[in-house]
Amino acid sequence: GFNQQGGSLNRGRHLRLIMQEAGFDVIEFFAAYGNATTPELVQAEINGYIAWMDNLPWFDQAIELNVVDQAAMNDIKDGMKQWSELPEAFIAKGRCVAIGRK
């Protein structure tokens, strides 16, 4: 899954150390938060997530391993699109940012 492909939900908290080990002087490090509060912004975020689902090998692997089938994946994407069109749809996300110099 996600971790096998090099992903990590915990990487942000280790970002400063990772950059230092790679030889960077970390000159700025912070957490940033954003949100999508309008239907257009929410739909753009959801379209990005769907493109991610369509282009990353994890999802194909999940289908190949019978973790999920293509019909279920299509239902998930359709549900995401339908939800993104609701006037009350809202997305909030956080991320870690590090700026370094070598």
PDB file of N, CA and C in Angstrom:
ATOM      1  N   GLY A   1       0.797  -1.181   0.000  1.00  0.00           N
ATOM      2  CA  GLY A   1       0.000   0.000   0.000  1.00  0.00           C
ATOM      3  C   GLY A   1       0.847   1.255   0.000  1.00  0.00           C
ATOM      4  N   PHE A   2       0.327   2.229   0.672  1.00  0.00           N
ATOM      5  CA  PHE A   2       0.908   3.573   0.717  1.00  0.00           C
ATOM      6  C   PHE A   2       2.361   3.536   1.187  1.00  0.00           C
ATOM      7  N   ASN A   3       2.627   2.866   2.301  1.00  0.00           N
ATOM      8  CA  ASN A   3       3.990   2.811   2.833  1.00  0.00           C
ATOM      9  C   ASN A   3       4.926   2.009   1.938  1.00  0.00           C
ATOM     10  N   GLN A   4       4.421   0.954   1.288  1.00  0.00           N
ATOM     11  CA  GLN A   4       5.258   0.147   0.405  1.00  0.00           C
ATOM     12  C   GLN A   4       5.705   0.933  -0.820  1.00  0.00           C
ATOM     13  N   GLN A   5       4.954   1.957  -1.197  1.00  0.00           N
ATOM     14  CA  GLN A   5       5.298   2.774  -2.360  1.00  0.00           C
ATOM     15  C   GLN A   5       6.121   3.997  -1.968  1.00  0.00           C
ATOM     16  N   GLY A   6       6.583   4.034  -0.716  1.00  0.00           N
ATOM     17  CA  GLY A   6       7.410   5.157  -0.279  1.00  0.00           C
ATOM     18  C   GLY A   6       6.636   6.259   0.397  1.00  0.00           C
ATOM     19  N   GLY A   7       5.338   6.090   0.549  1.00  0.00           N
ATOM     20  CA  GLY A   7       4.531   7.099   1.216  1.00  0.00           C
ATOM     21  C   GLY A   7       4.610   6.956   2.721  1.00  0.00           C
ATOM     22  N   SER A   8       4.281   8.007   3.420  1.00  0.00           N
ATOM     23  CA  SER A   8       4.255   7.963   4.876  1.00  0.00           C
ATOM     24  C   SER A   8       3.374   9.085   5.388  1.00  0.00           C
ATOM     25  N   LEU A   9       2.424   8.724   6.222  1.00  0.00           N
ATOM     26  CA  LEU A   9       1.595   9.746   6.852  1.00  0.00           C
ATOM     27  C   LEU A   9       2.360  10.457   7.961  1.00  0.00           C
ATOM     28  N   ASN A  10       3.516   9.927   8.337  1.00  0.00           N
ATOM     29  CA  ASN A  10       4.327  10.513   9.406  1.00  0.00           C
ATOM     30  C   ASN A  10       5.564  11.240   8.893  1.00  0.00           C
ATOM     31  N   ARG A  11       5.770  11.266   7.598  1.00  0.00           N
ATOM     32  CA  ARG A  11       6.993  11.846   7.050  1.00  0.00           C
ATOM     33  C   ARG A  11       7.153  13.319   7.428  1.00  0.00           C
ATOM     34  N   GLY A  12       6.073  14.053   7.488  1.00  0.00           N
ATOM     35  CA  GLY A  12       6.170  15.479   7.792  1.00  0.00           C
ATOM     36  C   GLY A  12       6.886  15.763   9.091  1.00  0.00           C
ATOM     37  N   ARG A  13       6.610  14.955  10.104  1.00  0.00           N
ATOM     38  CA  ARG A  13       7.253  15.222  11.395  1.00  0.00           C
ATOM     39  C   ARG A  13       8.739  14.880  11.378  1.00  0.00           C
ATOM     40  N   HIS A  14       9.195  14.133  10.383  1.00  0.00           N
ATOM     41  CA  HIS A  14      10.609  13.780  10.246  1.00  0.00           C
ATOM     42  C   HIS A  14      11.299  14.595   9.149  1.00  0.00           C
ATOM     43  N   LEU A  15      10.596  15.526   8.549  1.00  0.00           N
ATOM     44  CA  LEU A  15      11.108  16.235   7.375  1.00  0.00           C
ATOM     45  C   LEU A  15      12.406  16.984   7.665  1.00  0.00           C
ATOM     46  N   ARG A  16      12.481  17.660   8.797  1.00  0.00           N
ATOM     47  CA  ARG A  16      13.705  18.407   9.127  1.00  0.00           C
ATOM     48  C   ARG A  16      14.905  17.449   9.197  1.00  0.00           C
ATOM     49  N   LEU A  17      14.755  16.327   9.892  1.00  0.00           N
ATOM     50  CA  LEU A  17      15.835  15.352  10.021  1.00  0.00           C
ATOM     51  C   LEU A  17      16.215  14.764   8.663  1.00  0.00           C
ATOM     52  N   ILE A  18      15.227  14.429   7.848  1.00  0.00           N
ATOM     53  CA  ILE A  18      15.491  13.874   6.517  1.00  0.00           C
ATOM     54  C   ILE A  18      16.323  14.852   5.689  1.00  0.00           C
ATOM     55  N   MET A  19      15.951  16.123   5.746  1.00  0.00           N
ATOM     56  CA  MET A  19      16.688  17.127   4.965  1.00  0.00           C
ATOM     57  C   MET A  19      18.100  17.317   5.511  1.00  0.00           C
ATOM     58  N   GLN A  20      18.248  17.325   6.840  1.00  0.00           N
ATOM     59  CA  GLN A  20      19.581  17.468   7.429  1.00  0.00           C
ATOM     60  C   GLN A  20      20.465  16.280   7.051  1.00  0.00           C
ATOM     61  N   GLU A  21      19.903  15.073   7.079  1.00  0.00           N
ATOM     62  CA  GLU A  21      20.669  13.883   6.691  1.00  0.00           C
ATOM     63  C   GLU A  21      21.077  13.930   5.222  1.00  0.00           C
ATOM     64  N   ALA A  22      20.312  14.643   4.399  1.00  0.00           N
ATOM     65  CA  ALA A  22      20.639  14.794   2.978  1.00  0.00           C
ATOM     66  C   ALA A  22      21.616  15.943   2.739  1.00  0.00           C
ATOM     67  N   GLY A  23      22.044  16.605   3.823  1.00  0.00           N
ATOM     68  CA  GLY A  23      23.042  17.657   3.689  1.00  0.00           C
ATOM     69  C   GLY A  23      22.500  19.065   3.559  1.00  0.00           C
ATOM     70  N   PHE A  24      21.233  19.255   3.805  1.00  0.00           N
ATOM     71  CA  PHE A  24      20.643  20.586   3.720  1.00  0.00           C
ATOM     72  C   PHE A  24      20.712  21.299   5.065  1.00  0.00           C
ATOM     73  N   ASP A  25      20.944  22.604   5.035  1.00  0.00           N
ATOM     74  CA  ASP A  25      20.726  23.450   6.203  1.00  0.00           C
ATOM     75  C   ASP A  25      19.272  23.879   6.131  1.00  0.00           C
ATOM     76  N   VAL A  26      18.497  23.475   7.095  1.00  0.00           N
ATOM     77  CA  VAL A  26      17.074  23.819   7.089  1.00  0.00           C
ATOM     78  C   VAL A  26      16.936  25.240   7.611  1.00  0.00           C
ATOM     79  N   ILE A  27      16.495  26.141   6.740  1.00  0.00           N
ATOM     80  CA  ILE A  27      16.393  27.546   7.131  1.00  0.00           C
ATOM     81  C   ILE A  27      14.975  27.936   7.532  1.00  0.00           C
ATOM     82  N   GLU A  28      14.025  27.113   7.169  1.00  0.00           N
ATOM     83  CA  GLU A  28      12.644  27.389   7.565  1.00  0.00           C
ATOM     84  C   GLU A  28      11.893  26.068   7.630  1.00  0.00           C
ATOM     85  N   PHE A  29      11.059  25.930   8.645  1.00  0.00           N
ATOM     86  CA  PHE A  29      10.292  24.703   8.839  1.00  0.00           C
ATOM     87  C   PHE A  29       8.996  25.091   9.536  1.00  0.00           C
ATOM     88  N   PHE A  30       7.863  24.705   8.957  1.00  0.00           N
ATOM     89  CA  PHE A  30       6.593  25.073   9.582  1.00  0.00           C
ATOM     90  C   PHE A  30       5.473  24.154   9.124  1.00  0.00           C
ATOM     91  N   ALA A  31       4.417  24.180   9.890  1.00  0.00           N
ATOM     92  CA  ALA A  31       3.190  23.483   9.505  1.00  0.00           C
ATOM     93  C   ALA A  31       2.276  24.507   8.849  1.00  0.00           C
ATOM     94  N   ALA A  32       1.587  24.090   7.819  1.00  0.00           N
ATOM     95  CA  ALA A  32       0.659  24.978   7.122  1.00  0.00           C
ATOM     96  C   ALA A  32      -0.684  24.269   6.999  1.00  0.00           C
ATOM     97  N   TYR A  33      -1.707  25.044   7.030  1.00  0.00           N
ATOM     98  CA  TYR A  33      -3.059  24.494   6.957  1.00  0.00           C
ATOM     99  C   TYR A  33      -3.836  25.232   5.880  1.00  0.00           C
ATOM    100  N   GLY A  34      -4.692  24.514   5.209  1.00  0.00           N
ATOM    101  CA  GLY A  34      -5.503  25.124   4.171  1.00  0.00           C
ATOM    102  C   GLY A  34      -6.873  24.489   4.155  1.00  0.00           C
ATOM    103  N   ASN A  35      -7.746  25.102   3.413  1.00  0.00           N
ATOM    104  CA  ASN A  35      -9.081  24.531   3.287  1.00  0.00           C
ATOM    105  C   ASN A  35      -9.688  24.914   1.954  1.00  0.00           C
ATOM    106  N   ALA A  36     -10.683  24.156   1.590  1.00  0.00           N
ATOM    107  CA  ALA A  36     -11.485  24.438   0.400  1.00  0.00           C
ATOM    108  C   ALA A  36     -12.895  24.686   0.911  1.00  0.00           C
ATOM    109  N   THR A  37     -13.379  25.893   0.711  1.00  0.00           N
ATOM    110  CA  THR A  37     -14.647  26.287   1.328  1.00  0.00           C
ATOM    111  C   THR A  37     -15.755  26.601   0.336  1.00  0.00           C
ATOM    112  N   THR A  38     -15.430  26.627  -0.943  1.00  0.00           N
ATOM    113  CA  THR A  38     -16.463  26.883  -1.948  1.00  0.00           C
ATOM    114  C   THR A  38     -16.645  25.619  -2.783  1.00  0.00           C
ATOM    115  N   PRO A  39     -17.795  25.454  -3.415  1.00  0.00           N
ATOM    116  CA  PRO A  39     -17.993  24.270  -4.258  1.00  0.00           C
ATOM    117  C   PRO A  39     -16.901  24.112  -5.319  1.00  0.00           C
ATOM    118  N   GLU A  40     -16.465  25.213  -5.901  1.00  0.00           N
ATOM    119  CA  GLU A  40     -15.439  25.137  -6.946  1.00  0.00           C
ATOM    120  C   GLU A  40     -14.113  24.622  -6.381  1.00  0.00           C
ATOM    121  N   LEU A  41     -13.728  25.122  -5.211  1.00  0.00           N
ATOM    122  CA  LEU A  41     -12.474  24.685  -4.600  1.00  0.00           C
ATOM    123  C   LEU A  41     -12.551  23.235  -4.135  1.00  0.00           C
ATOM    124  N   VAL A  42     -13.684  22.855  -3.552  1.00  0.00           N
ATOM    125  CA  VAL A  42     -13.856  21.471  -3.106  1.00  0.00           C
ATOM    126  C   VAL A  42     -13.810  20.538  -4.309  1.00  0.00           C
ATOM    127  N   GLN A  43     -14.501  20.899  -5.387  1.00  0.00           N
ATOM    128  CA  GLN A  43     -14.510  20.055  -6.582  1.00  0.00           C
ATOM    129  C   GLN A  43     -13.110  19.939  -7.178  1.00  0.00           C
ATOM    130  N   ALA A  44     -12.345  21.017  -7.159  1.00  0.00           N
ATOM    131  CA  ALA A  44     -10.971  20.962  -7.669  1.00  0.00           C
ATOM    132  C   ALA A  44     -10.122  20.017  -6.818  1.00  0.00           C
ATOM    133  N   GLU A  45     -10.277  20.087  -5.497  1.00  0.00           N
ATOM    134  CA  GLU A  45      -9.544  19.172  -4.606  1.00  0.00           C
ATOM    135  C   GLU A  45      -9.932  17.723  -4.890  1.00  0.00           C
ATOM    136  N   ILE A  46     -11.223  17.469  -4.981  1.00  0.00           N
ATOM    137  CA  ILE A  46     -11.706  16.108  -5.220  1.00  0.00           C
ATOM    138  C   ILE A  46     -11.217  15.603  -6.573  1.00  0.00           C
ATOM    139  N   ASN A  47     -11.247  16.449  -7.596  1.00  0.00           N
ATOM    140  CA  ASN A  47     -10.733  16.036  -8.908  1.00  0.00           C
ATOM    141  C   ASN A  47      -9.251  15.671  -8.817  1.00  0.00           C
ATOM    142  N   GLY A  48      -8.505  16.396  -7.980  1.00  0.00           N
ATOM    143  CA  GLY A  48      -7.101  16.060  -7.765  1.00  0.00           C
ATOM    144  C   GLY A  48      -6.939  14.708  -7.093  1.00  0.00           C
ATOM    145  N   TYR A  49      -7.773  14.431  -6.085  1.00  0.00           N
ATOM    146  CA  TYR A  49      -7.713  13.133  -5.411  1.00  0.00           C
ATOM    147  C   TYR A  49      -8.089  12.004  -6.372  1.00  0.00           C
ATOM    148  N   ILE A  50      -9.077  12.242  -7.202  1.00  0.00           N
ATOM    149  CA  ILE A  50      -9.488  11.212  -8.165  1.00  0.00           C
ATOM    150  C   ILE A  50      -8.380  10.968  -9.192  1.00  0.00           C
ATOM    151  N   ALA A  51      -7.728  12.030  -9.652  1.00  0.00           N
ATOM    152  CA  ALA A  51      -6.597  11.861 -10.576  1.00  0.00           C
ATOM    153  C   ALA A  51      -5.488  11.056  -9.902  1.00  0.00           C
ATOM    154  N   TRP A  52      -5.278  11.314  -8.631  1.00  0.00           N
ATOM    155  CA  TRP A  52      -4.296  10.563  -7.847  1.00  0.00           C
ATOM    156  C   TRP A  52      -4.679   9.084  -7.833  1.00  0.00           C
ATOM    157  N   MET A  53      -5.946   8.795  -7.576  1.00  0.00           N
ATOM    158  CA  MET A  53      -6.432   7.410  -7.560  1.00  0.00           C
ATOM    159  C   MET A  53      -6.270   6.748  -8.931  1.00  0.00           C
ATOM    160  N   ASP A  54      -6.460   7.515  -9.986  1.00  0.00           N
ATOM    161  CA  ASP A  54      -6.366   6.968 -11.345  1.00  0.00           C
ATOM    162  C   ASP A  54      -4.922   6.732 -11.794  1.00  0.00           C
ATOM    163  N   ASN A  55      -3.967   7.424 -11.179  1.00  0.00           N
ATOM    164  CA  ASN A  55      -2.601   7.391 -11.690  1.00  0.00           C
ATOM    165  C   ASN A  55      -1.569   6.732 -10.790  1.00  0.00           C
ATOM    166  N   LEU A  56      -1.902   6.461  -9.545  1.00  0.00           N
ATOM    167  CA  LEU A  56      -0.941   5.814  -8.655  1.00  0.00           C
ATOM    168  C   LEU A  56      -1.132   4.301  -8.684  1.00  0.00           C
ATOM    169  N   PRO A  57      -0.051   3.557  -8.683  1.00  0.00           N
ATOM    170  CA  PRO A  57      -0.157   2.103  -8.811  1.00  0.00           C
ATOM    171  C   PRO A  57      -0.809   1.409  -7.620  1.00  0.00           C
ATOM    172  N   TRP A  58      -0.895   2.056  -6.471  1.00  0.00           N
ATOM    173  CA  TRP A  58      -1.481   1.398  -5.292  1.00  0.00           C
ATOM    174  C   TRP A  58      -2.895   0.937  -5.547  1.00  0.00           C
ATOM    175  N   PHE A  59      -3.644   1.742  -6.254  1.00  0.00           N
ATOM    176  CA  PHE A  59      -5.051   1.418  -6.458  1.00  0.00           C
ATOM    177  C   PHE A  59      -5.208   0.246  -7.425  1.00  0.00           C
ATOM    178  N   ASP A  60      -4.378   0.215  -8.465  1.00  0.00           N
ATOM    179  CA  ASP A  60      -4.375  -0.945  -9.368  1.00  0.00           C
ATOM    180  C   ASP A  60      -3.943  -2.201  -8.619  1.00  0.00           C
ATOM    181  N   GLN A  61      -2.958  -2.048  -7.744  1.00  0.00           N
ATOM    182  CA  GLN A  61      -2.493  -3.194  -6.960  1.00  0.00           C
ATOM    183  C   GLN A  61      -3.585  -3.693  -6.020  1.00  0.00           C
ATOM    184  N   ALA A  62      -4.328  -2.777  -5.432  1.00  0.00           N
ATOM    185  CA  ALA A  62      -5.424  -3.179  -4.541  1.00  0.00           C
ATOM    186  C   ALA A  62      -6.462  -3.993  -5.310  1.00  0.00           C
ATOM    187  N   ILE A  63      -6.721  -3.602  -6.557  1.00  0.00           N
ATOM    188  CA  ILE A  63      -7.664  -4.355  -7.395  1.00  0.00           C
ATOM    189  C   ILE A  63      -7.072  -5.726  -7.730  1.00  0.00           C
ATOM    190  N   GLU A  64      -5.792  -5.752  -8.124  1.00  0.00           N
ATOM    191  CA  GLU A  64      -5.139  -7.023  -8.465  1.00  0.00           C
ATOM    192  C   GLU A  64      -5.113  -7.990  -7.281  1.00  0.00           C
ATOM    193  N   LEU A  65      -4.987  -7.452  -6.072  1.00  0.00           N
ATOM    194  CA  LEU A  65      -4.931  -8.285  -4.864  1.00  0.00           C
ATOM    195  C   LEU A  65      -6.319  -8.589  -4.298  1.00  0.00           C
ATOM    196  N   ASN A  66      -7.352  -8.159  -5.029  1.00  0.00           N
ATOM    197  CA  ASN A  66      -8.743  -8.374  -4.606  1.00  0.00           C
ATOM    198  C   ASN A  66      -9.084  -7.720  -3.271  1.00  0.00           C
ATOM    199  N   VAL A  67      -8.397  -6.635  -2.952  1.00  0.00           N
ATOM    200  CA  VAL A  67      -8.749  -5.849  -1.776  1.00  0.00           C
ATOM    201  C   VAL A  67     -10.022  -5.065  -2.068  1.00  0.00           C
ATOM    202  N   VAL A  68     -10.157  -4.665  -3.319  1.00  0.00           N
ATOM    203  CA  VAL A  68     -11.309  -3.909  -3.797  1.00  0.00           C
ATOM    204  C   VAL A  68     -11.466  -4.256  -5.274  1.00  0.00           C
ATOM    205  N   ASP A  69     -12.650  -4.061  -5.816  1.00  0.00           N
ATOM    206  CA  ASP A  69     -12.805  -4.292  -7.257  1.00  0.00           C
ATOM    207  C   ASP A  69     -13.030  -2.960  -7.966  1.00  0.00           C
ATOM    208  N   GLN A  70     -12.927  -3.000  -9.283  1.00  0.00           N
ATOM    209  CA  GLN A  70     -13.033  -1.770 -10.071  1.00  0.00           C
ATOM    210  C   GLN A  70     -14.387  -1.104  -9.887  1.00  0.00           C
ATOM    211  N   ALA A  71     -15.448  -1.897  -9.775  1.00  0.00           N
ATOM    212  CA  ALA A  71     -16.783  -1.321  -9.576  1.00  0.00           C
ATOM    213  C   ALA A  71     -16.832  -0.530  -8.272  1.00  0.00           C
ATOM    214  N   ALA A  72     -16.231  -1.068  -7.220  1.00  0.00           N
ATOM    215  CA  ALA A  72     -16.210  -0.354  -5.939  1.00  0.00           C
ATOM    216  C   ALA A  72     -15.388   0.927  -6.050  1.00  0.00           C
ATOM    217  N   MET A  73     -14.257   0.867  -6.751  1.00  0.00           N
ATOM    218  CA  MET A  73     -13.441   2.070  -6.950  1.00  0.00           C
ATOM    219  C   MET A  73     -14.232   3.131  -7.702  1.00  0.00           C
ATOM    220  N   ASN A  74     -14.960   2.712  -8.727  1.00  0.00           N
ATOM    221  CA  ASN A  74     -15.782   3.662  -9.480  1.00  0.00           C
ATOM    222  C   ASN A  74     -16.868   4.258  -8.593  1.00  0.00           C
ATOM    223  N   ASP A  75     -17.477   3.427  -7.737  1.00  0.00           N
ATOM    224  CA  ASP A  75     -18.496   3.924  -6.806  1.00  0.00           C
ATOM    225  C   ASP A  75     -17.905   4.942  -5.836  1.00  0.00           C
ATOM    226  N   ILE A  76     -16.702   4.670  -5.350  1.00  0.00           N
ATOM    227  CA  ILE A  76     -16.039   5.603  -4.434  1.00  0.00           C
ATOM    228  C   ILE A  76     -15.820   6.943  -5.127  1.00  0.00           C
ATOM    229  N   LYS A  77     -15.287   6.900  -6.344  1.00  0.00           N
ATOM    230  CA  LYS A  77     -15.026   8.145  -7.085  1.00  0.00           C
ATOM    231  C   LYS A  77     -16.321   8.886  -7.394  1.00  0.00           C
ATOM    232  N   ASP A  78     -17.362   8.153  -7.777  1.00  0.00           N
ATOM    233  CA  ASP A  78     -18.661   8.788  -8.035  1.00  0.00           C
ATOM    234  C   ASP A  78     -19.194   9.438  -6.766  1.00  0.00           C
ATOM    235  N   GLY A  79     -19.063   8.742  -5.636  1.00  0.00           N
ATOM    236  CA  GLY A  79     -19.511   9.301  -4.363  1.00  0.00           C
ATOM    237  C   GLY A  79     -18.736  10.549  -3.988  1.00  0.00           C
ATOM    238  N   MET A  80     -17.433  10.542  -4.242  1.00  0.00           N
ATOM    239  CA  MET A  80     -16.615  11.723  -3.966  1.00  0.00           C
ATOM    240  C   MET A  80     -17.088  12.909  -4.805  1.00  0.00           C
ATOM    241  N   LYS A  81     -17.355  12.649  -6.082  1.00  0.00           N
ATOM    242  CA  LYS A  81     -17.828  13.725  -6.964  1.00  0.00           C
ATOM    243  C   LYS A  81     -19.177  14.262  -6.497  1.00  0.00           C
ATOM    244  N   GLN A  82     -20.091  13.354  -6.157  1.00  0.00           N
ATOM    245  CA  GLN A  82     -21.414  13.779  -5.691  1.00  0.00           C
ATOM    246  C   GLN A  82     -21.295  14.602  -4.412  1.00  0.00           C
ATOM    247  N   TRP A  83     -20.472  14.136  -3.473  1.00  0.00           N
ATOM    248  CA  TRP A  83     -20.296  14.865  -2.221  1.00  0.00           C
ATOM    249  C   TRP A  83     -19.715  16.254  -2.478  1.00  0.00           C
ATOM    250  N   SER A  84     -18.756  16.351  -3.414  1.00  0.00           N
ATOM    251  CA  SER A  84     -18.098  17.636  -3.670  1.00  0.00           C
ATOM    252  C   SER A  84     -19.057  18.681  -4.232  1.00  0.00           C
ATOM    253  N   GLU A  85     -20.180  18.237  -4.752  1.00  0.00           N
ATOM    254  CA  GLU A  85     -21.159  19.174  -5.314  1.00  0.00           C
ATOM    255  C   GLU A  85     -22.149  19.692  -4.272  1.00  0.00           C
ATOM    256  N   LEU A  86     -22.119  19.143  -3.072  1.00  0.00           N
ATOM    257  CA  LEU A  86     -23.027  19.604  -2.023  1.00  0.00           C
ATOM    258  C   LEU A  86     -22.583  20.975  -1.522  1.00  0.00           C
ATOM    259  N   PRO A  87     -23.530  21.869  -1.250  1.00  0.00           N
ATOM    260  CA  PRO A  87     -23.144  23.208  -0.799  1.00  0.00           C
ATOM    261  C   PRO A  87     -22.413  23.200   0.544  1.00  0.00           C
ATOM    262  N   GLU A  88     -22.623  22.172   1.364  1.00  0.00           N
ATOM    263  CA  GLU A  88     -21.959  22.125   2.670  1.00  0.00           C
ATOM    264  C   GLU A  88     -20.612  21.396   2.638  1.00  0.00           C
ATOM    265  N   ALA A  89     -20.187  20.924   1.473  1.00  0.00           N
ATOM    266  CA  ALA A  89     -18.908  20.212   1.372  1.00  0.00           C
ATOM    267  C   ALA A  89     -17.761  21.146   1.756  1.00  0.00           C
ATOM    268  N   PHE A  90     -16.805  20.603   2.491  1.00  0.00           N
ATOM    269  CA  PHE A  90     -15.695  21.385   3.025  1.00  0.00           C
ATOM    270  C   PHE A  90     -14.499  20.453   3.188  1.00  0.00           C
ATOM    271  N   ILE A  91     -13.322  20.902   2.823  1.00  0.00           N
ATOM    272  CA  ILE A  91     -12.105  20.113   2.994  1.00  0.00           C
ATOM    273  C   ILE A  91     -11.095  20.954   3.767  1.00  0.00           C
ATOM    274  N   ALA A  92     -10.494  20.355   4.782  1.00  0.00           N
ATOM    275  CA  ALA A  92      -9.398  20.985   5.521  1.00  0.00           C
ATOM    276  C   ALA A  92      -8.210  20.034   5.477  1.00  0.00           C
ATOM    277  N   LYS A  93      -7.017  20.590   5.344  1.00  0.00           N
ATOM    278  CA  LYS A  93      -5.831  19.734   5.298  1.00  0.00           C
ATOM    279  C   LYS A  93      -4.638  20.463   5.899  1.00  0.00           C
ATOM    280  N   GLY A  94      -3.739  19.678   6.434  1.00  0.00           N
ATOM    281  CA  GLY A  94      -2.505  20.213   6.988  1.00  0.00           C
ATOM    282  C   GLY A  94      -1.312  19.615   6.264  1.00  0.00           C
ATOM    283  N   ARG A  95      -0.208  20.317   6.314  1.00  0.00           N
ATOM    284  CA  ARG A  95       1.012  19.805   5.700  1.00  0.00           C
ATOM    285  C   ARG A  95       2.214  20.421   6.408  1.00  0.00           C
ATOM    286  N   CYS A  96       3.357  19.785   6.265  1.00  0.00           N
ATOM    287  CA  CYS A  96       4.606  20.314   6.798  1.00  0.00           C
ATOM    288  C   CYS A  96       5.435  20.839   5.634  1.00  0.00           C
ATOM    289  N   VAL A  97       6.105  21.949   5.869  1.00  0.00           N
ATOM    290  CA  VAL A  97       6.920  22.579   4.836  1.00  0.00           C
ATOM    291  C   VAL A  97       8.318  22.795   5.408  1.00  0.00           C
ATOM    292  N   ALA A  98       9.328  22.462   4.639  1.00  0.00           N
ATOM    293  CA  ALA A  98      10.708  22.730   5.031  1.00  0.00           C
ATOM    294  C   ALA A  98      11.428  23.356   3.843  1.00  0.00           C
ATOM    295  N   ILE A  99      12.173  24.388   4.127  1.00  0.00           N
ATOM    296  CA  ILE A  99      12.974  25.052   3.100  1.00  0.00           C
ATOM    297  C   ILE A  99      14.425  24.917   3.530  1.00  0.00           C
ATOM    298  N   GLY A 100      15.245  24.393   2.630  1.00  0.00           N
ATOM    299  CA  GLY A 100      16.638  24.164   2.972  1.00  0.00           C
ATOM    300  C   GLY A 100      17.582  24.708   1.920  1.00  0.00           C
ATOM    301  N   ARG A 101      18.847  24.760   2.310  1.00  0.00           N
ATOM    302  CA  ARG A 101      19.891  25.250   1.413  1.00  0.00           C
ATOM    303  C   ARG A 101      21.080  24.310   1.551  1.00  0.00           C
ATOM    304  N   LYS A 102      21.719  24.020   0.435  1.00  0.00           N
ATOM    305  CA  LYS A 102      22.900  23.148   0.455  1.00  0.00           C
ATOM    306  C   LYS A 102      24.140  23.956   0.223  1.00  0.00           C
TER     307      LYS A 102
END
